[in-house]
Amino acid sequence: TNAVLCLPLDAQGRNRTPTRTEVRACAPWLTAILGLVGAPVVAALGATALAALGGIEPHGLTLGKAAGRSHPWHGRELVALYHPSRQAELHRPWARQVEDWRALNGG
């Protein structure tokens, strides 16, 4: 799922990062989806997703420091991953991101 269930667009009609208000408005839906799915591992794809999950149950994680590692969260494991995009390569090389995904998948 996503941190928000709408597609926030900028004035030019391009995707944009959701505002904190939009993330908070969708928090009950995200909480409900997590409860219904009941997955033992939650992968947060990007800083927005990680922050949204922190609004449900605080975790104190930042993407840069937590990427690719498992952390106990809300009765399950939380793994922070960079969102798979070209822009993410500015912060974490693609090869490292692939390693993160492989570790999540058990190697």
Protein backbone atom coordinates (compact mmCIF):
# COMPACT_ATOMS: atom_id res chain seq x y z
CA THR A 1 0.00 0.00 0.00
CA ASN A 2 0.99 3.67 0.16
CA ALA A 3 1.32 6.27 2.88
CA VAL A 4 -1.55 8.09 1.16
CA LEU A 5 -4.23 6.53 -0.98
CA CYS A 6 -4.62 9.51 -3.26
CA LEU A 7 -2.18 10.63 -5.92
CA PRO A 8 -0.93 14.07 -4.90
CA LEU A 9 -0.04 16.17 -7.93
CA ASP A 10 1.72 19.50 -8.30
CA ALA A 11 0.42 22.42 -10.38
CA GLN A 12 1.91 20.88 -13.53
CA GLY A 13 0.15 17.54 -12.93
CA ARG A 14 3.29 15.67 -11.80
CA ASN A 15 3.54 13.42 -8.75
CA ARG A 16 4.64 15.21 -5.60
CA THR A 17 5.48 14.21 -2.06
CA PRO A 18 2.32 14.15 0.08
CA THR A 19 2.02 16.76 2.78
CA ARG A 20 2.04 15.85 6.47
CA THR A 21 -1.65 16.72 6.56
CA GLU A 22 -2.37 14.26 3.73
CA VAL A 23 -0.32 11.55 5.44
CA ARG A 24 -2.15 12.11 8.75
CA ALA A 25 -5.53 12.05 6.97
CA CYS A 26 -4.71 8.63 5.49
CA ALA A 27 -3.17 7.17 8.67
CA PRO A 28 -6.39 5.37 9.73
CA TRP A 29 -6.53 3.64 6.32
CA LEU A 30 -2.87 2.64 6.49
CA THR A 31 -3.38 1.30 10.02
CA ALA A 32 -6.42 -0.71 8.89
CA ILE A 33 -4.58 -2.17 5.90
CA LEU A 34 -1.61 -3.19 8.05
CA GLY A 35 -4.03 -4.86 10.47
CA LEU A 36 -5.85 -6.73 7.73
CA VAL A 37 -2.73 -7.96 6.00
CA GLY A 38 -0.89 -8.90 9.20
CA ALA A 39 2.44 -9.35 7.41
CA PRO A 40 5.35 -10.18 9.73
CA VAL A 41 7.62 -7.79 7.79
CA VAL A 42 6.76 -4.30 6.58
CA ALA A 43 9.01 -2.69 3.98
CA ALA A 44 8.89 1.09 3.92
CA LEU A 45 9.81 2.30 0.43
CA GLY A 46 11.28 5.74 1.00
CA ALA A 47 11.30 8.46 3.62
CA THR A 48 7.61 9.31 3.21
CA ALA A 49 6.54 5.72 3.89
CA LEU A 50 8.92 5.45 6.85
CA ALA A 51 7.58 8.68 8.36
CA ALA A 52 3.97 7.54 7.83
CA LEU A 53 4.66 4.30 9.69
CA GLY A 54 6.30 6.30 12.47
CA GLY A 55 3.02 8.19 12.83
CA ILE A 56 1.23 4.92 13.52
CA GLU A 57 3.83 3.58 15.97
CA PRO A 58 6.93 5.67 16.68
CA HIS A 59 10.18 4.01 15.61
CA GLY A 60 12.77 6.83 15.64
CA LEU A 61 14.32 5.63 12.36
CA THR A 62 15.67 7.69 9.49
CA LEU A 63 16.05 6.28 6.02
CA GLY A 64 19.74 7.11 5.72
CA LYS A 65 20.67 5.31 8.93
CA ALA A 66 18.17 2.44 8.86
CA ALA A 67 18.17 1.42 5.19
CA GLY A 68 18.45 -2.28 4.53
CA ARG A 69 18.24 -3.44 8.13
CA SER A 70 15.38 -4.99 10.07
CA HIS A 71 14.01 -3.23 13.16
CA PRO A 72 11.32 -4.36 15.63
CA TRP A 73 8.18 -2.30 15.12
CA HIS A 74 4.56 -2.64 16.15
CA GLY A 75 4.78 -6.41 16.78
CA ARG A 76 6.56 -7.13 13.50
CA GLU A 77 9.76 -6.24 11.64
CA LEU A 78 10.19 -2.97 9.76
CA VAL A 79 12.73 -2.67 6.95
CA ALA A 80 13.45 0.76 5.53
CA LEU A 81 14.32 0.72 1.84
CA TYR A 82 14.95 3.49 -0.64
CA HIS A 83 12.11 3.96 -3.09
CA PRO A 84 13.22 2.37 -6.37
CA SER A 85 13.79 5.48 -8.45
CA ARG A 86 16.64 7.21 -10.23
CA GLN A 87 16.51 10.03 -7.67
CA ALA A 88 17.24 7.57 -4.84
CA GLU A 89 20.61 6.83 -6.44
CA LEU A 90 21.70 10.30 -5.34
CA HIS A 91 21.56 9.05 -1.74
CA ARG A 92 22.29 5.33 -2.02
CA PRO A 93 24.01 3.70 -4.99
CA TRP A 94 21.88 1.28 -6.99
CA ALA A 95 24.13 -1.68 -6.12
CA ARG A 96 23.54 -1.03 -2.38
CA GLN A 97 19.80 -0.80 -2.96
CA VAL A 98 19.86 -4.16 -4.72
CA GLU A 99 21.76 -5.63 -1.74
CA ASP A 100 19.07 -4.22 0.58
CA TRP A 101 16.33 -5.88 -1.47
CA ARG A 102 18.16 -9.19 -1.58
CA ALA A 103 18.63 -9.16 2.20
CA LEU A 104 14.91 -8.52 2.62
CA ASN A 105 14.21 -11.47 0.34
CA GLY A 106 16.52 -13.78 2.28
CA GLY A 107 19.58 -13.43 0.06
